[in-house]
């Protein structure tokens, strides 16, 4: 088994920036917040506490339904779904607007408890972005300001391709070949080669899950050893 953890702060506070009061645990230095909220109607703004615009929001109705994902490379017209292998799709429950203080959700169920995980990129610590695949084992290089310890990515344009995670904990040397798939019950796959480099990551497989030619992929990445010049994030 494997687990990844992030420091999202040590206390939960009430946030009144939105249309309803949310309960927020936030680490503004790391650009991470966890938000509990109970909407009372549709299209309500929810305070996230980051004081910058998040580039990725993962959220869910605690009573059921899918894990929806807002990603800046997709924008507010569509959602991705962390538990599905679907492409980005128009969705009434999507994030319809996002600011430095709130994100607005569509027609999600009123009076149900929801949870959201918000991520704002931090220089030398985290990155949210996109790349275009080339379907080659000499694959696309994605530049970052750090060596990644964790990369999660998603084919955004066609149904049937899972989310994928490669990390430096399970693969201490390159290539980081052991892929895990959050949207699948499949076991770890040892053929999904990705180089985790000092200044980014490079695809070393031609699987369409990672690297189909001309396809836009969304990603979230975190650093192995955050630069001390950023104030010692996550030491």
Protein backbone atom coordinates (compact mmCIF):
# COMPACT_ATOMS: atom_id res chain seq x y z
CA UNK A 1 0.00 0.00 0.00
CA UNK A 2 1.03 3.61 -0.44
CA UNK A 3 -0.23 6.91 0.92
CA UNK A 4 0.64 10.56 0.33
CA UNK A 5 0.07 13.30 2.90
CA UNK A 6 0.24 17.10 2.83
CA UNK A 7 0.38 19.70 5.59
CA UNK A 8 -2.85 21.69 5.35
CA UNK A 9 -2.45 23.54 8.63
CA UNK A 10 -3.17 22.77 12.25
CA UNK A 11 -6.59 24.31 12.91
CA UNK A 12 -9.96 24.68 11.23
CA UNK A 13 -11.62 28.09 11.05
CA UNK A 14 -14.92 29.46 9.81
CA UNK A 15 -14.72 31.35 6.51
CA UNK A 16 -17.44 33.84 5.55
CA UNK A 17 -16.08 34.95 2.16
CA UNK A 18 -18.73 32.99 0.25
CA UNK A 19 -22.51 32.73 0.18
CA UNK A 20 -22.42 30.18 3.00
CA UNK A 21 -19.95 29.82 5.86
CA UNK A 22 -17.34 27.17 5.10
CA UNK A 23 -15.03 25.38 7.51
CA UNK A 24 -11.46 25.76 6.27
CA UNK A 25 -8.13 24.26 7.24
CA UNK A 26 -5.48 26.08 5.26
CA UNK A 27 -1.72 26.29 4.77
CA UNK A 28 -1.33 29.44 2.68
CA UNK A 29 2.44 29.00 2.46
CA UNK A 30 2.02 25.60 0.82
CA UNK A 31 -1.02 26.70 -1.20
CA UNK A 32 -3.30 23.98 0.16
CA UNK A 33 -6.69 24.17 1.84
CA UNK A 34 -9.35 21.67 2.88
CA UNK A 35 -12.86 23.08 2.79
CA UNK A 36 -16.05 21.69 4.32
CA UNK A 37 -19.28 23.30 3.17
CA UNK A 38 -23.03 22.74 3.02
CA UNK A 39 -24.66 24.70 0.18
CA UNK A 40 -28.20 25.93 0.75
CA UNK A 41 -28.97 26.38 -2.95
CA UNK A 42 -27.29 26.11 -6.33
CA UNK A 43 -24.56 28.35 -7.76
CA UNK A 44 -23.14 29.44 -4.42
CA UNK A 45 -19.66 30.83 -3.82
CA UNK A 46 -17.58 28.96 -1.24
CA UNK A 47 -14.67 30.53 0.67
CA UNK A 48 -11.41 28.57 0.33
CA UNK A 49 -9.00 30.64 2.46
CA UNK A 50 -5.96 30.62 0.16
CA UNK A 51 -5.92 34.35 -0.72
CA UNK A 52 -4.78 33.37 -4.23
CA UNK A 53 -6.69 31.74 -7.07
CA UNK A 54 -6.49 27.92 -6.81
CA UNK A 55 -5.44 26.12 -9.99
CA UNK A 56 -7.03 22.83 -8.96
CA UNK A 57 -10.02 21.96 -6.79
CA UNK A 58 -11.11 18.39 -6.03
CA UNK A 59 -14.53 18.23 -4.40
CA UNK A 60 -17.29 15.77 -3.53
CA UNK A 61 -20.73 15.45 -2.01
CA UNK A 62 -20.16 13.37 1.13
CA UNK A 63 -23.51 11.62 0.54
CA UNK A 64 -22.25 10.06 -2.69
CA UNK A 65 -21.69 11.05 -6.31
CA UNK A 66 -18.41 11.59 -8.13
CA UNK A 67 -15.15 13.29 -7.15
CA UNK A 68 -15.26 16.34 -9.42
CA UNK A 69 -12.12 18.20 -10.43
CA UNK A 70 -11.66 21.79 -11.50
CA UNK A 71 -8.31 22.23 -13.28
CA UNK A 72 -7.07 25.55 -14.63
CA UNK A 73 -6.05 23.99 -17.95
CA UNK A 74 -9.68 22.94 -18.51
CA UNK A 75 -11.32 26.06 -17.14
CA UNK A 76 -14.82 26.54 -15.78
CA UNK A 77 -16.76 25.13 -18.74
CA UNK A 78 -16.05 21.47 -17.93
CA UNK A 79 -15.14 19.07 -15.12
CA UNK A 80 -12.82 16.14 -14.79
CA UNK A 81 -13.74 13.27 -12.45
CA UNK A 82 -11.09 11.75 -10.21
CA UNK A 83 -12.92 8.43 -9.86
CA UNK A 84 -13.72 8.07 -13.58
CA UNK A 85 -11.64 7.62 -16.73
CA UNK A 86 -13.84 10.10 -18.62
CA UNK A 87 -12.56 13.06 -20.61
CA UNK A 88 -13.27 16.59 -19.43
CA UNK A 89 -16.99 17.13 -19.91
CA UNK A 90 -19.69 19.75 -19.52
CA UNK A 91 -21.21 19.25 -16.10
CA UNK A 92 -23.93 21.13 -14.25
CA UNK A 93 -22.14 20.57 -10.93
CA UNK A 94 -18.82 22.01 -12.11
CA UNK A 95 -16.89 24.93 -10.66
CA UNK A 96 -18.37 27.81 -12.62
CA UNK A 97 -16.18 30.63 -11.26
CA UNK A 98 -13.07 30.91 -9.13
CA UNK A 99 -11.33 33.83 -7.42
CA UNK A 100 -8.64 34.46 -4.82
CA UNK A 101 -11.25 34.06 -2.08
CA UNK A 102 -14.00 31.73 -3.39
CA UNK A 103 -14.95 29.05 -5.86
CA UNK A 104 -18.54 28.84 -7.15
CA UNK A 105 -20.19 25.47 -7.65
CA UNK A 106 -23.12 24.76 -9.96
CA UNK A 107 -26.24 22.73 -9.27
CA UNK A 108 -24.82 20.47 -6.54
CA UNK A 109 -27.25 19.13 -3.96
CA UNK A 110 -28.41 21.71 -1.45
CA UNK A 111 -28.17 20.84 2.25
CA UNK A 112 -25.70 17.99 1.67
CA UNK A 113 -22.27 18.18 3.26
CA UNK A 114 -19.39 18.58 0.78
CA UNK A 115 -15.61 18.45 1.00
CA UNK A 116 -13.08 20.20 -1.25
CA UNK A 117 -9.30 20.11 -1.58
CA UNK A 118 -7.83 23.27 -3.14
CA UNK A 119 -4.33 23.66 -4.57
CA UNK A 120 -2.53 26.85 -5.59
CA UNK A 121 0.93 26.38 -7.18
CA UNK A 122 3.96 27.48 -5.19
CA UNK A 123 7.36 28.18 -6.76
CA UNK A 124 9.74 25.36 -5.94
CA UNK A 125 7.08 23.29 -4.20
CA UNK A 126 4.07 22.53 -6.40
CA UNK A 127 2.83 22.95 -9.95
CA UNK A 128 -0.48 22.63 -11.76
CA UNK A 129 -0.38 22.68 -15.53
CA UNK A 130 -0.74 20.85 -18.81
CA UNK A 131 1.37 19.35 -21.58
CA UNK A 132 0.83 17.86 -25.03
CA UNK A 133 1.78 14.25 -25.65
CA UNK A 134 3.90 12.94 -28.55
CA UNK A 135 3.31 9.14 -28.26
CA UNK A 136 7.03 8.39 -28.15
CA UNK A 137 9.29 6.75 -25.58
CA UNK A 138 11.43 9.87 -26.00
CA UNK A 139 8.40 11.66 -24.65
CA UNK A 140 7.36 15.17 -23.78
CA UNK A 141 9.48 16.98 -21.19
CA UNK A 142 7.52 19.09 -18.71
CA UNK A 143 9.71 21.78 -17.09
CA UNK A 144 9.22 22.55 -13.39
CA UNK A 145 11.10 24.64 -10.82
CA UNK A 146 11.85 21.52 -8.74
CA UNK A 147 12.48 17.79 -8.85
CA UNK A 148 9.06 16.16 -8.51
CA UNK A 149 8.39 13.46 -5.93
CA UNK A 150 4.77 13.05 -7.04
CA UNK A 151 3.11 13.53 -10.42
CA UNK A 152 -0.59 12.93 -11.10
CA UNK A 153 -1.84 13.36 -14.65
CA UNK A 154 -4.93 12.88 -16.83
CA UNK A 155 -5.73 12.56 -20.54
CA UNK A 156 -8.39 15.26 -20.94
CA UNK A 157 -9.84 14.73 -24.41
CA UNK A 158 -11.11 11.14 -24.80
CA UNK A 159 -13.05 8.79 -22.54
CA UNK A 160 -11.42 5.57 -21.39
CA UNK A 161 -8.04 6.76 -20.06
CA UNK A 162 -7.39 6.64 -16.34
CA UNK A 163 -5.75 9.14 -14.06
CA UNK A 164 -2.15 8.09 -13.34
CA UNK A 165 0.28 8.67 -10.49
CA UNK A 166 4.05 8.12 -10.48
CA UNK A 167 6.20 8.96 -7.46
CA UNK A 168 9.70 8.80 -6.01
CA UNK A 169 8.66 6.83 -2.92
CA UNK A 170 7.92 3.63 -4.82
CA UNK A 171 10.68 4.24 -7.40
CA UNK A 172 13.83 5.69 -5.86
CA UNK A 173 15.66 5.63 -9.22
CA UNK A 174 14.63 6.63 -12.72
CA UNK A 175 12.57 5.72 -14.50
CA UNK A 176 9.70 5.88 -12.04
CA UNK A 177 7.87 3.01 -13.69
CA UNK A 178 5.21 1.98 -11.19
CA UNK A 179 1.99 3.68 -12.18
CA UNK A 180 -1.10 3.75 -9.99
CA UNK A 181 -4.53 4.72 -11.31
CA UNK A 182 -6.93 6.58 -8.98
CA UNK A 183 -9.86 6.00 -11.35
CA UNK A 184 -9.32 2.23 -11.57
CA UNK A 185 -9.18 -0.82 -9.33
CA UNK A 186 -6.26 -2.16 -11.39
CA UNK A 187 -3.04 -3.13 -9.65
CA UNK A 188 0.17 -1.13 -9.94
CA UNK A 189 1.63 -1.27 -13.46
CA UNK A 190 5.42 -1.46 -13.78
CA UNK A 191 5.70 -0.40 -17.43
CA UNK A 192 4.64 3.27 -17.20
CA UNK A 193 8.08 4.84 -17.35
CA UNK A 194 8.48 8.47 -16.30
CA UNK A 195 11.78 10.20 -15.52
CA UNK A 196 11.54 12.41 -12.42
CA UNK A 197 14.30 14.94 -13.10
CA UNK A 198 15.90 17.82 -11.22
CA UNK A 199 13.95 20.35 -13.28
CA UNK A 200 10.76 18.56 -14.28
CA UNK A 201 9.50 15.24 -15.58
CA UNK A 202 9.81 13.46 -18.91
CA UNK A 203 7.51 10.82 -20.32
CA UNK A 204 9.33 7.61 -21.23
CA UNK A 205 6.34 5.60 -22.41
CA UNK A 206 3.95 5.85 -25.33
CA UNK A 207 0.84 4.74 -23.43
CA UNK A 208 -2.14 6.93 -24.31
CA UNK A 209 -2.84 7.22 -20.58
CA UNK A 210 0.32 9.35 -20.42
CA UNK A 211 1.47 10.41 -23.84
CA UNK A 212 -0.89 10.20 -26.83
CA UNK A 213 0.19 12.40 -29.71
CA UNK A 214 -1.45 15.82 -29.80
CA UNK A 215 -3.51 15.28 -26.65
CA UNK A 216 -3.65 17.76 -23.79
CA UNK A 217 -2.85 16.25 -20.37
CA UNK A 218 -3.56 17.96 -17.05
CA UNK A 219 -1.13 17.43 -14.17
CA UNK A 220 -0.48 18.14 -10.50
CA UNK A 221 3.10 17.81 -9.18
CA UNK A 222 4.88 18.22 -5.84
CA UNK A 223 8.57 18.61 -5.06
CA UNK A 224 10.85 16.02 -3.50
CA UNK A 225 13.09 18.58 -1.76
CA UNK A 226 11.49 22.03 -1.81
CA UNK A 227 14.05 24.79 -2.31
CA UNK A 228 15.03 26.54 0.90
CA UNK A 229 14.84 29.88 -0.91
CA UNK A 230 11.05 29.55 -0.84
CA UNK A 231 11.01 29.88 2.92
CA UNK A 232 11.36 26.23 3.79
CA UNK A 233 7.95 25.03 2.64
CA UNK A 234 6.97 21.64 4.08
CA UNK A 235 10.24 21.13 5.98
